[in-house]
Amino acid sequence: LSNPASRPGVLHGAYSYLAQDDDGQVIEV
């Protein structure tokens, strides 16, 4: 939430903000 590059998507059954790339793939954190 404190990273402007994050945007909403689906992970582990819910829609929320995620760290993801331009293709919508969850990135390593």
mmCIF file of all heavy atoms, coordinates in Angstrom:
data_MODEL
# 
_entry.id   MODEL 
# 
loop_
_atom_site.group_PDB 
_atom_site.id 
_atom_site.type_symbol 
_atom_site.label_atom_id 
_atom_site.label_alt_id 
_atom_site.label_comp_id 
_atom_site.label_asym_id 
_atom_site.label_entity_id 
_atom_site.label_seq_id 
_atom_site.pdbx_PDB_ins_code 
_atom_site.Cartn_x 
_atom_site.Cartn_y 
_atom_site.Cartn_z 
_atom_site.occupancy 
_atom_site.B_iso_or_equiv 
_atom_site.pdbx_formal_charge 
_atom_site.auth_seq_id 
_atom_site.auth_comp_id 
_atom_site.auth_asym_id 
_atom_site.auth_atom_id 
_atom_site.pdbx_PDB_model_num 
ATOM 1   N N   . LEU A 1 1  ? 0.818   -1.220  0.000   1.00 0.00 ? 1  LEU A N   1 
ATOM 2   C CA  . LEU A 1 1  ? 0.000   0.000   0.000   1.00 0.00 ? 1  LEU A CA  1 
ATOM 3   C C   . LEU A 1 1  ? 0.848   1.264   0.000   1.00 0.00 ? 1  LEU A C   1 
ATOM 4   O O   . LEU A 1 1  ? 0.384   2.312   -0.439  1.00 0.00 ? 1  LEU A O   1 
ATOM 5   C CB  . LEU A 1 1  ? -0.938  -0.019  1.210   1.00 0.00 ? 1  LEU A CB  1 
ATOM 6   C CG  . LEU A 1 1  ? -1.962  -1.154  1.191   1.00 0.00 ? 1  LEU A CG  1 
ATOM 7   C CD1 . LEU A 1 1  ? -2.739  -1.185  2.490   1.00 0.00 ? 1  LEU A CD1 1 
ATOM 8   C CD2 . LEU A 1 1  ? -2.913  -1.014  0.013   1.00 0.00 ? 1  LEU A CD2 1 
ATOM 9   N N   . SER A 1 2  ? 2.085   1.183   0.473   1.00 0.00 ? 2  SER A N   1 
ATOM 10  C CA  . SER A 1 2  ? 2.954   2.361   0.490   1.00 0.00 ? 2  SER A CA  1 
ATOM 11  C C   . SER A 1 2  ? 3.843   2.441   -0.752  1.00 0.00 ? 2  SER A C   1 
ATOM 12  O O   . SER A 1 2  ? 4.732   3.275   -0.833  1.00 0.00 ? 2  SER A O   1 
ATOM 13  C CB  . SER A 1 2  ? 3.833   2.364   1.750   1.00 0.00 ? 2  SER A CB  1 
ATOM 14  O OG  . SER A 1 2  ? 4.607   1.179   1.845   1.00 0.00 ? 2  SER A OG  1 
ATOM 15  N N   . ASN A 1 3  ? 3.579   1.571   -1.714  1.00 0.00 ? 3  ASN A N   1 
ATOM 16  C CA  . ASN A 1 3  ? 4.328   1.560   -2.969  1.00 0.00 ? 3  ASN A CA  1 
ATOM 17  C C   . ASN A 1 3  ? 3.400   1.987   -4.100  1.00 0.00 ? 3  ASN A C   1 
ATOM 18  O O   . ASN A 1 3  ? 2.451   1.279   -4.430  1.00 0.00 ? 3  ASN A O   1 
ATOM 19  C CB  . ASN A 1 3  ? 4.873   0.157   -3.244  1.00 0.00 ? 3  ASN A CB  1 
ATOM 20  C CG  . ASN A 1 3  ? 5.721   0.088   -4.501  1.00 0.00 ? 3  ASN A CG  1 
ATOM 21  O OD1 . ASN A 1 3  ? 5.803   1.047   -5.268  1.00 0.00 ? 3  ASN A OD1 1 
ATOM 22  N ND2 . ASN A 1 3  ? 6.348   -1.059  -4.714  1.00 0.00 ? 3  ASN A ND2 1 
ATOM 23  N N   . PRO A 1 4  ? 3.652   3.129   -4.740  1.00 0.00 ? 4  PRO A N   1 
ATOM 24  C CA  . PRO A 1 4  ? 2.751   3.604   -5.799  1.00 0.00 ? 4  PRO A CA  1 
ATOM 25  C C   . PRO A 1 4  ? 2.675   2.672   -6.994  1.00 0.00 ? 4  PRO A C   1 
ATOM 26  O O   . PRO A 1 4  ? 1.737   2.754   -7.793  1.00 0.00 ? 4  PRO A O   1 
ATOM 27  C CB  . PRO A 1 4  ? 3.337   4.959   -6.198  1.00 0.00 ? 4  PRO A CB  1 
ATOM 28  C CG  . PRO A 1 4  ? 4.589   5.156   -5.438  1.00 0.00 ? 4  PRO A CG  1 
ATOM 29  C CD  . PRO A 1 4  ? 4.740   4.065   -4.456  1.00 0.00 ? 4  PRO A CD  1 
ATOM 30  N N   . ALA A 1 5  ? 3.650   1.753   -7.125  1.00 0.00 ? 5  ALA A N   1 
ATOM 31  C CA  . ALA A 1 5  ? 3.649   0.828   -8.267  1.00 0.00 ? 5  ALA A CA  1 
ATOM 32  C C   . ALA A 1 5  ? 2.677   -0.337  -8.065  1.00 0.00 ? 5  ALA A C   1 
ATOM 33  O O   . ALA A 1 5  ? 2.315   -1.019  -9.020  1.00 0.00 ? 5  ALA A O   1 
ATOM 34  C CB  . ALA A 1 5  ? 5.053   0.288   -8.508  1.00 0.00 ? 5  ALA A CB  1 
ATOM 35  N N   . SER A 1 6  ? 2.251   -0.576  -6.824  1.00 0.00 ? 6  SER A N   1 
ATOM 36  C CA  . SER A 1 6  ? 1.311   -1.669  -6.573  1.00 0.00 ? 6  SER A CA  1 
ATOM 37  C C   . SER A 1 6  ? -0.070  -1.305  -7.087  1.00 0.00 ? 6  SER A C   1 
ATOM 38  O O   . SER A 1 6  ? -0.453  -0.134  -7.113  1.00 0.00 ? 6  SER A O   1 
ATOM 39  C CB  . SER A 1 6  ? 1.236   -1.963  -5.073  1.00 0.00 ? 6  SER A CB  1 
ATOM 40  O OG  . SER A 1 6  ? 2.459   -2.462  -4.599  1.00 0.00 ? 6  SER A OG  1 
ATOM 41  N N   . ARG A 1 7  ? -0.816  -2.319  -7.480  1.00 0.00 ? 7  ARG A N   1 
ATOM 42  C CA  . ARG A 1 7  ? -2.186  -2.082  -7.944  1.00 0.00 ? 7  ARG A CA  1 
ATOM 43  C C   . ARG A 1 7  ? -3.017  -3.322  -7.632  1.00 0.00 ? 7  ARG A C   1 
ATOM 44  O O   . ARG A 1 7  ? -2.477  -4.396  -7.373  1.00 0.00 ? 7  ARG A O   1 
ATOM 45  C CB  . ARG A 1 7  ? -2.206  -1.762  -9.433  1.00 0.00 ? 7  ARG A CB  1 
ATOM 46  C CG  . ARG A 1 7  ? -1.630  -2.833  -10.324 1.00 0.00 ? 7  ARG A CG  1 
ATOM 47  C CD  . ARG A 1 7  ? -1.529  -2.307  -11.762 1.00 0.00 ? 7  ARG A CD  1 
ATOM 48  N NE  . ARG A 1 7  ? -1.169  -3.370  -12.690 1.00 0.00 ? 7  ARG A NE  1 
ATOM 49  C CZ  . ARG A 1 7  ? 0.077   -3.801  -12.887 1.00 0.00 ? 7  ARG A CZ  1 
ATOM 50  N NH1 . ARG A 1 7  ? 1.070   -3.258  -12.203 1.00 0.00 ? 7  ARG A NH1 1 
ATOM 51  N NH2 . ARG A 1 7  ? 0.330   -4.768  -13.746 1.00 0.00 ? 7  ARG A NH2 1 
ATOM 52  N N   . PRO A 1 8  ? -4.336  -3.185  -7.667  1.00 0.00 ? 8  PRO A N   1 
ATOM 53  C CA  . PRO A 1 8  ? -5.182  -4.307  -7.272  1.00 0.00 ? 8  PRO A CA  1 
ATOM 54  C C   . PRO A 1 8  ? -5.101  -5.497  -8.227  1.00 0.00 ? 8  PRO A C   1 
ATOM 55  O O   . PRO A 1 8  ? -4.890  -5.349  -9.429  1.00 0.00 ? 8  PRO A O   1 
ATOM 56  C CB  . PRO A 1 8  ? -6.590  -3.699  -7.273  1.00 0.00 ? 8  PRO A CB  1 
ATOM 57  C CG  . PRO A 1 8  ? -6.381  -2.237  -7.101  1.00 0.00 ? 8  PRO A CG  1 
ATOM 58  C CD  . PRO A 1 8  ? -5.114  -1.941  -7.844  1.00 0.00 ? 8  PRO A CD  1 
ATOM 59  N N   . GLY A 1 9  ? -5.298  -6.658  -7.643  1.00 0.00 ? 9  GLY A N   1 
ATOM 60  C CA  . GLY A 1 9  ? -5.354  -7.908  -8.381  1.00 0.00 ? 9  GLY A CA  1 
ATOM 61  C C   . GLY A 1 9  ? -5.822  -9.003  -7.442  1.00 0.00 ? 9  GLY A C   1 
ATOM 62  O O   . GLY A 1 9  ? -6.193  -8.736  -6.295  1.00 0.00 ? 9  GLY A O   1 
ATOM 63  N N   . VAL A 1 10 ? -5.814  -10.235 -7.921  1.00 0.00 ? 10 VAL A N   1 
ATOM 64  C CA  . VAL A 1 10 ? -6.307  -11.364 -7.132  1.00 0.00 ? 10 VAL A CA  1 
ATOM 65  C C   . VAL A 1 10 ? -5.141  -12.222 -6.667  1.00 0.00 ? 10 VAL A C   1 
ATOM 66  O O   . VAL A 1 10 ? -4.285  -12.623 -7.468  1.00 0.00 ? 10 VAL A O   1 
ATOM 67  C CB  . VAL A 1 10 ? -7.295  -12.221 -7.942  1.00 0.00 ? 10 VAL A CB  1 
ATOM 68  C CG1 . VAL A 1 10 ? -7.684  -13.475 -7.165  1.00 0.00 ? 10 VAL A CG1 1 
ATOM 69  C CG2 . VAL A 1 10 ? -8.545  -11.403 -8.273  1.00 0.00 ? 10 VAL A CG2 1 
ATOM 70  N N   . LEU A 1 11 ? -5.110  -12.516 -5.370  1.00 0.00 ? 11 LEU A N   1 
ATOM 71  C CA  . LEU A 1 11 ? -4.123  -13.416 -4.784  1.00 0.00 ? 11 LEU A CA  1 
ATOM 72  C C   . LEU A 1 11 ? -4.775  -14.164 -3.637  1.00 0.00 ? 11 LEU A C   1 
ATOM 73  O O   . LEU A 1 11 ? -5.447  -13.559 -2.801  1.00 0.00 ? 11 LEU A O   1 
ATOM 74  C CB  . LEU A 1 11 ? -2.899  -12.639 -4.277  1.00 0.00 ? 11 LEU A CB  1 
ATOM 75  C CG  . LEU A 1 11 ? -1.810  -13.471 -3.582  1.00 0.00 ? 11 LEU A CG  1 
ATOM 76  C CD1 . LEU A 1 11 ? -1.153  -14.433 -4.566  1.00 0.00 ? 11 LEU A CD1 1 
ATOM 77  C CD2 . LEU A 1 11 ? -0.756  -12.563 -2.953  1.00 0.00 ? 11 LEU A CD2 1 
ATOM 78  N N   . HIS A 1 12 ? -4.588  -15.472 -3.635  1.00 0.00 ? 12 HIS A N   1 
ATOM 79  C CA  . HIS A 1 12 ? -5.081  -16.316 -2.548  1.00 0.00 ? 12 HIS A CA  1 
ATOM 80  C C   . HIS A 1 12 ? -6.559  -16.077 -2.235  1.00 0.00 ? 12 HIS A C   1 
ATOM 81  O O   . HIS A 1 12 ? -6.975  -15.994 -1.082  1.00 0.00 ? 12 HIS A O   1 
ATOM 82  C CB  . HIS A 1 12 ? -4.228  -16.134 -1.296  1.00 0.00 ? 12 HIS A CB  1 
ATOM 83  C CG  . HIS A 1 12 ? -2.800  -16.567 -1.492  1.00 0.00 ? 12 HIS A CG  1 
ATOM 84  N ND1 . HIS A 1 12 ? -1.725  -15.915 -0.941  1.00 0.00 ? 12 HIS A ND1 1 
ATOM 85  C CD2 . HIS A 1 12 ? -2.270  -17.593 -2.226  1.00 0.00 ? 12 HIS A CD2 1 
ATOM 86  C CE1 . HIS A 1 12 ? -0.603  -16.521 -1.305  1.00 0.00 ? 12 HIS A CE1 1 
ATOM 87  N NE2 . HIS A 1 12 ? -0.912  -17.537 -2.086  1.00 0.00 ? 12 HIS A NE2 1 
ATOM 88  N N   . GLY A 1 13 ? -7.339  -15.941 -3.309  1.00 0.00 ? 13 GLY A N   1 
ATOM 89  C CA  . GLY A 1 13 ? -8.787  -15.949 -3.156  1.00 0.00 ? 13 GLY A CA  1 
ATOM 90  C C   . GLY A 1 13 ? -9.456  -14.624 -2.925  1.00 0.00 ? 13 GLY A C   1 
ATOM 91  O O   . GLY A 1 13 ? -10.671 -14.577 -2.730  1.00 0.00 ? 13 GLY A O   1 
ATOM 92  N N   . ALA A 1 14 ? -8.690  -13.517 -2.940  1.00 0.00 ? 14 ALA A N   1 
ATOM 93  C CA  . ALA A 1 14 ? -9.301  -12.205 -2.681  1.00 0.00 ? 14 ALA A CA  1 
ATOM 94  C C   . ALA A 1 14 ? -8.707  -11.150 -3.604  1.00 0.00 ? 14 ALA A C   1 
ATOM 95  O O   . ALA A 1 14 ? -7.569  -11.262 -4.063  1.00 0.00 ? 14 ALA A O   1 
ATOM 96  C CB  . ALA A 1 14 ? -9.100  -11.797 -1.225  1.00 0.00 ? 14 ALA A CB  1 
ATOM 97  N N   . TYR A 1 15 ? -9.493  -10.116 -3.840  1.00 0.00 ? 15 TYR A N   1 
ATOM 98  C CA  . TYR A 1 15 ? -9.078  -8.981  -4.660  1.00 0.00 ? 15 TYR A CA  1 
ATOM 99  C C   . TYR A 1 15 ? -8.568  -7.885  -3.737  1.00 0.00 ? 15 TYR A C   1 
ATOM 100 O O   . TYR A 1 15 ? -9.294  -7.391  -2.862  1.00 0.00 ? 15 TYR A O   1 
ATOM 101 C CB  . TYR A 1 15 ? -10.275 -8.481  -5.471  1.00 0.00 ? 15 TYR A CB  1 
ATOM 102 C CG  . TYR A 1 15 ? -9.997  -7.327  -6.403  1.00 0.00 ? 15 TYR A CG  1 
ATOM 103 C CD1 . TYR A 1 15 ? -9.215  -7.488  -7.547  1.00 0.00 ? 15 TYR A CD1 1 
ATOM 104 C CD2 . TYR A 1 15 ? -10.539 -6.061  -6.152  1.00 0.00 ? 15 TYR A CD2 1 
ATOM 105 C CE1 . TYR A 1 15 ? -8.979  -6.430  -8.411  1.00 0.00 ? 15 TYR A CE1 1 
ATOM 106 C CE2 . TYR A 1 15 ? -10.318 -4.999  -7.013  1.00 0.00 ? 15 TYR A CE2 1 
ATOM 107 C CZ  . TYR A 1 15 ? -9.529  -5.191  -8.146  1.00 0.00 ? 15 TYR A CZ  1 
ATOM 108 O OH  . TYR A 1 15 ? -9.293  -4.137  -9.001  1.00 0.00 ? 15 TYR A OH  1 
ATOM 109 N N   . SER A 1 16 ? -7.297  -7.509  -3.897  1.00 0.00 ? 16 SER A N   1 
ATOM 110 C CA  . SER A 1 16 ? -6.704  -6.477  -3.062  1.00 0.00 ? 16 SER A CA  1 
ATOM 111 C C   . SER A 1 16 ? -5.469  -5.932  -3.778  1.00 0.00 ? 16 SER A C   1 
ATOM 112 O O   . SER A 1 16 ? -5.163  -6.333  -4.903  1.00 0.00 ? 16 SER A O   1 
ATOM 113 C CB  . SER A 1 16 ? -6.325  -7.046  -1.683  1.00 0.00 ? 16 SER A CB  1 
ATOM 114 O OG  . SER A 1 16 ? -5.902  -6.011  -0.814  1.00 0.00 ? 16 SER A OG  1 
ATOM 115 N N   . TYR A 1 17 ? -4.750  -5.054  -3.121  1.00 0.00 ? 17 TYR A N   1 
ATOM 116 C CA  . TYR A 1 17 ? -3.509  -4.539  -3.704  1.00 0.00 ? 17 TYR A CA  1 
ATOM 117 C C   . TYR A 1 17 ? -2.430  -5.621  -3.676  1.00 0.00 ? 17 TYR A C   1 
ATOM 118 O O   . TYR A 1 17 ? -2.298  -6.356  -2.691  1.00 0.00 ? 17 TYR A O   1 
ATOM 119 C CB  . TYR A 1 17 ? -3.016  -3.316  -2.930  1.00 0.00 ? 17 TYR A CB  1 
ATOM 120 C CG  . TYR A 1 17 ? -3.696  -2.032  -3.329  1.00 0.00 ? 17 TYR A CG  1 
ATOM 121 C CD1 . TYR A 1 17 ? -4.882  -1.636  -2.708  1.00 0.00 ? 17 TYR A CD1 1 
ATOM 122 C CD2 . TYR A 1 17 ? -3.173  -1.219  -4.329  1.00 0.00 ? 17 TYR A CD2 1 
ATOM 123 C CE1 . TYR A 1 17 ? -5.516  -0.457  -3.063  1.00 0.00 ? 17 TYR A CE1 1 
ATOM 124 C CE2 . TYR A 1 17 ? -3.797  -0.036  -4.699  1.00 0.00 ? 17 TYR A CE2 1 
ATOM 125 C CZ  . TYR A 1 17 ? -4.970  0.340   -4.058  1.00 0.00 ? 17 TYR A CZ  1 
ATOM 126 O OH  . TYR A 1 17 ? -5.602  1.501   -4.416  1.00 0.00 ? 17 TYR A OH  1 
ATOM 127 N N   . LEU A 1 18 ? -1.640  -5.680  -4.754  1.00 0.00 ? 18 LEU A N   1 
ATOM 128 C CA  . LEU A 1 18 ? -0.575  -6.664  -4.888  1.00 0.00 ? 18 LEU A CA  1 
ATOM 129 C C   . LEU A 1 18 ? 0.680   -6.017  -5.441  1.00 0.00 ? 18 LEU A C   1 
ATOM 130 O O   . LEU A 1 18 ? 0.611   -5.017  -6.164  1.00 0.00 ? 18 LEU A O   1 
ATOM 131 C CB  . LEU A 1 18 ? -0.972  -7.782  -5.860  1.00 0.00 ? 18 LEU A CB  1 
ATOM 132 C CG  . LEU A 1 18 ? -2.254  -8.560  -5.646  1.00 0.00 ? 18 LEU A CG  1 
ATOM 133 C CD1 . LEU A 1 18 ? -2.429  -9.566  -6.770  1.00 0.00 ? 18 LEU A CD1 1 
ATOM 134 C CD2 . LEU A 1 18 ? -2.222  -9.265  -4.305  1.00 0.00 ? 18 LEU A CD2 1 
ATOM 135 N N   . ALA A 1 19 ? 1.803   -6.642  -5.153  1.00 0.00 ? 19 ALA A N   1 
ATOM 136 C CA  . ALA A 1 19 ? 3.042   -6.337  -5.867  1.00 0.00 ? 19 ALA A CA  1 
ATOM 137 C C   . ALA A 1 19 ? 3.047   -7.212  -7.119  1.00 0.00 ? 19 ALA A C   1 
ATOM 138 O O   . ALA A 1 19 ? 3.144   -8.436  -7.024  1.00 0.00 ? 19 ALA A O   1 
ATOM 139 C CB  . ALA A 1 19 ? 4.247   -6.646  -4.986  1.00 0.00 ? 19 ALA A CB  1 
ATOM 140 N N   . GLN A 1 20 ? 2.899   -6.596  -8.287  1.00 0.00 ? 20 GLN A N   1 
ATOM 141 C CA  . GLN A 1 20 ? 2.808   -7.365  -9.524  1.00 0.00 ? 20 GLN A CA  1 
ATOM 142 C C   . GLN A 1 20 ? 3.467   -6.603  -10.670 1.00 0.00 ? 20 GLN A C   1 
ATOM 143 O O   . GLN A 1 20 ? 3.634   -5.383  -10.609 1.00 0.00 ? 20 GLN A O   1 
ATOM 144 C CB  . GLN A 1 20 ? 1.344   -7.668  -9.869  1.00 0.00 ? 20 GLN A CB  1 
ATOM 145 C CG  . GLN A 1 20 ? 0.444   -6.457  -9.913  1.00 0.00 ? 20 GLN A CG  1 
ATOM 146 C CD  . GLN A 1 20 ? -1.015  -6.816  -10.153 1.00 0.00 ? 20 GLN A CD  1 
ATOM 147 O OE1 . GLN A 1 20 ? -1.332  -7.589  -11.050 1.00 0.00 ? 20 GLN A OE1 1 
ATOM 148 N NE2 . GLN A 1 20 ? -1.908  -6.268  -9.338  1.00 0.00 ? 20 GLN A NE2 1 
ATOM 149 N N   . ASP A 1 21 ? 3.839   -7.358  -11.718 1.00 0.00 ? 21 ASP A N   1 
ATOM 150 C CA  . ASP A 1 21 ? 4.481   -6.723  -12.861 1.00 0.00 ? 21 ASP A CA  1 
ATOM 151 C C   . ASP A 1 21 ? 3.439   -6.257  -13.876 1.00 0.00 ? 21 ASP A C   1 
ATOM 152 O O   . ASP A 1 21 ? 2.224   -6.369  -13.650 1.00 0.00 ? 21 ASP A O   1 
ATOM 153 C CB  . ASP A 1 21 ? 5.519   -7.660  -13.502 1.00 0.00 ? 21 ASP A CB  1 
ATOM 154 C CG  . ASP A 1 21 ? 4.903   -8.949  -14.042 1.00 0.00 ? 21 ASP A CG  1 
ATOM 155 O OD1 . ASP A 1 21 ? 3.679   -8.977  -14.325 1.00 0.00 ? 21 ASP A OD1 1 
ATOM 156 O OD2 . ASP A 1 21 ? 5.647   -9.935  -14.203 1.00 0.00 ? 21 ASP A OD2 1 
ATOM 157 N N   . ASP A 1 22 ? 3.912   -5.750  -15.017 1.00 0.00 ? 22 ASP A N   1 
ATOM 158 C CA  . ASP A 1 22 ? 3.006   -5.207  -16.026 1.00 0.00 ? 22 ASP A CA  1 
ATOM 159 C C   . ASP A 1 22 ? 2.109   -6.268  -16.649 1.00 0.00 ? 22 ASP A C   1 
ATOM 160 O O   . ASP A 1 22 ? 1.065   -5.950  -17.227 1.00 0.00 ? 22 ASP A O   1 
ATOM 161 C CB  . ASP A 1 22 ? 3.810   -4.513  -17.133 1.00 0.00 ? 22 ASP A CB  1 
ATOM 162 C CG  . ASP A 1 22 ? 4.485   -3.239  -16.634 1.00 0.00 ? 22 ASP A CG  1 
ATOM 163 O OD1 . ASP A 1 22 ? 4.023   -2.700  -15.604 1.00 0.00 ? 22 ASP A OD1 1 
ATOM 164 O OD2 . ASP A 1 22 ? 5.468   -2.805  -17.257 1.00 0.00 ? 22 ASP A OD2 1 
ATOM 165 N N   . ASP A 1 23 ? 2.506   -7.535  -16.526 1.00 0.00 ? 23 ASP A N   1 
ATOM 166 C CA  . ASP A 1 23 ? 1.702   -8.633  -17.061 1.00 0.00 ? 23 ASP A CA  1 
ATOM 167 C C   . ASP A 1 23 ? 0.745   -9.205  -16.023 1.00 0.00 ? 23 ASP A C   1 
ATOM 168 O O   . ASP A 1 23 ? 0.056   -10.197 -16.279 1.00 0.00 ? 23 ASP A O   1 
ATOM 169 C CB  . ASP A 1 23 ? 2.617   -9.751  -17.580 1.00 0.00 ? 23 ASP A CB  1 
ATOM 170 C CG  . ASP A 1 23 ? 3.477   -9.298  -18.749 1.00 0.00 ? 23 ASP A CG  1 
ATOM 171 O OD1 . ASP A 1 23 ? 2.967   -8.521  -19.581 1.00 0.00 ? 23 ASP A OD1 1 
ATOM 172 O OD2 . ASP A 1 23 ? 4.650   -9.708  -18.819 1.00 0.00 ? 23 ASP A OD2 1 
ATOM 173 N N   . GLY A 1 24 ? 0.721   -8.595  -14.831 1.00 0.00 ? 24 GLY A N   1 
ATOM 174 C CA  . GLY A 1 24 ? -0.176  -9.072  -13.786 1.00 0.00 ? 24 GLY A CA  1 
ATOM 175 C C   . GLY A 1 24 ? 0.361   -10.247 -12.996 1.00 0.00 ? 24 GLY A C   1 
ATOM 176 O O   . GLY A 1 24 ? -0.369  -10.846 -12.200 1.00 0.00 ? 24 GLY A O   1 
ATOM 177 N N   . GLN A 1 25 ? 1.650   -10.571 -13.173 1.00 0.00 ? 25 GLN A N   1 
ATOM 178 C CA  . GLN A 1 25 ? 2.259   -11.662 -12.423 1.00 0.00 ? 25 GLN A CA  1 
ATOM 179 C C   . GLN A 1 25 ? 2.769   -11.141 -11.083 1.00 0.00 ? 25 GLN A C   1 
ATOM 180 O O   . GLN A 1 25 ? 3.408   -10.088 -11.012 1.00 0.00 ? 25 GLN A O   1 
ATOM 181 C CB  . GLN A 1 25 ? 3.417   -12.277 -13.210 1.00 0.00 ? 25 GLN A CB  1 
ATOM 182 C CG  . GLN A 1 25 ? 3.001   -12.897 -14.537 1.00 0.00 ? 25 GLN A CG  1 
ATOM 183 C CD  . GLN A 1 25 ? 2.019   -14.037 -14.350 1.00 0.00 ? 25 GLN A CD  1 
ATOM 184 O OE1 . GLN A 1 25 ? 2.256   -14.961 -13.573 1.00 0.00 ? 25 GLN A OE1 1 
ATOM 185 N NE2 . GLN A 1 25 ? 0.894   -13.960 -15.050 1.00 0.00 ? 25 GLN A NE2 1 
ATOM 186 N N   . VAL A 1 26 ? 2.469   -11.891 -10.022 1.00 0.00 ? 26 VAL A N   1 
ATOM 187 C CA  . VAL A 1 26 ? 2.928   -11.501 -8.691  1.00 0.00 ? 26 VAL A CA  1 
ATOM 188 C C   . VAL A 1 26 ? 4.450   -11.546 -8.657  1.00 0.00 ? 26 VAL A C   1 
ATOM 189 O O   . VAL A 1 26 ? 5.063   -12.528 -9.081  1.00 0.00 ? 26 VAL A O   1 
ATOM 190 C CB  . VAL A 1 26 ? 2.337   -12.438 -7.615  1.00 0.00 ? 26 VAL A CB  1 
ATOM 191 C CG1 . VAL A 1 26 ? 2.871   -12.059 -6.231  1.00 0.00 ? 26 VAL A CG1 1 
ATOM 192 C CG2 . VAL A 1 26 ? 0.816   -12.363 -7.621  1.00 0.00 ? 26 VAL A CG2 1 
ATOM 193 N N   . ILE A 1 27 ? 5.072   -10.470 -8.190  1.00 0.00 ? 27 ILE A N   1 
ATOM 194 C CA  . ILE A 1 27 ? 6.529   -10.427 -8.164  1.00 0.00 ? 27 ILE A CA  1 
ATOM 195 C C   . ILE A 1 27 ? 7.066   -10.869 -6.801  1.00 0.00 ? 27 ILE A C   1 
ATOM 196 O O   . ILE A 1 27 ? 6.352   -10.857 -5.803  1.00 0.00 ? 27 ILE A O   1 
ATOM 197 C CB  . ILE A 1 27 ? 7.043   -9.011  -8.490  1.00 0.00 ? 27 ILE A CB  1 
ATOM 198 C CG1 . ILE A 1 27 ? 6.582   -7.998  -7.427  1.00 0.00 ? 27 ILE A CG1 1 
ATOM 199 C CG2 . ILE A 1 27 ? 6.603   -8.571  -9.882  1.00 0.00 ? 27 ILE A CG2 1 
ATOM 200 C CD1 . ILE A 1 27 ? 7.143   -6.607  -7.614  1.00 0.00 ? 27 ILE A CD1 1 
ATOM 201 N N   . GLU A 1 28 ? 8.325   -11.250 -6.784  1.00 0.00 ? 28 GLU A N   1 
ATOM 202 C CA  . GLU A 1 28 ? 8.977   -11.617 -5.535  1.00 0.00 ? 28 GLU A CA  1 
ATOM 203 C C   . GLU A 1 28 ? 9.113   -10.373 -4.662  1.00 0.00 ? 28 GLU A C   1 
ATOM 204 O O   . GLU A 1 28 ? 9.383   -9.279  -5.147  1.00 0.00 ? 28 GLU A O   1 
ATOM 205 C CB  . GLU A 1 28 ? 10.364  -12.199 -5.807  1.00 0.00 ? 28 GLU A CB  1 
ATOM 206 C CG  . GLU A 1 28 ? 10.355  -13.528 -6.538  1.00 0.00 ? 28 GLU A CG  1 
ATOM 207 C CD  . GLU A 1 28 ? 11.752  -14.101 -6.693  1.00 0.00 ? 28 GLU A CD  1 
ATOM 208 O OE1 . GLU A 1 28 ? 12.681  -13.570 -6.050  1.00 0.00 ? 28 GLU A OE1 1 
ATOM 209 O OE2 . GLU A 1 28 ? 11.905  -15.079 -7.439  1.00 0.00 ? 28 GLU A OE2 1 
ATOM 210 N N   . VAL A 1 29 ? 8.909   -10.556 -3.372  1.00 0.00 ? 29 VAL A N   1 
ATOM 211 C CA  . VAL A 1 29 ? 9.115   -9.467  -2.433  1.00 0.00 ? 29 VAL A CA  1 
ATOM 212 C C   . VAL A 1 29 ? 10.148  -9.894  -1.406  1.00 0.00 ? 29 VAL A C   1 
ATOM 213 O O   . VAL A 1 29 ? 10.479  -11.080 -1.297  1.00 0.00 ? 29 VAL A O   1 
ATOM 214 C CB  . VAL A 1 29 ? 7.798   -9.047  -1.738  1.00 0.00 ? 29 VAL A CB  1 
ATOM 215 C CG1 . VAL A 1 29 ? 6.820   -8.474  -2.749  1.00 0.00 ? 29 VAL A CG1 1 
ATOM 216 C CG2 . VAL A 1 29 ? 7.169   -10.210 -0.981  1.00 0.00 ? 29 VAL A CG2 1 
# 
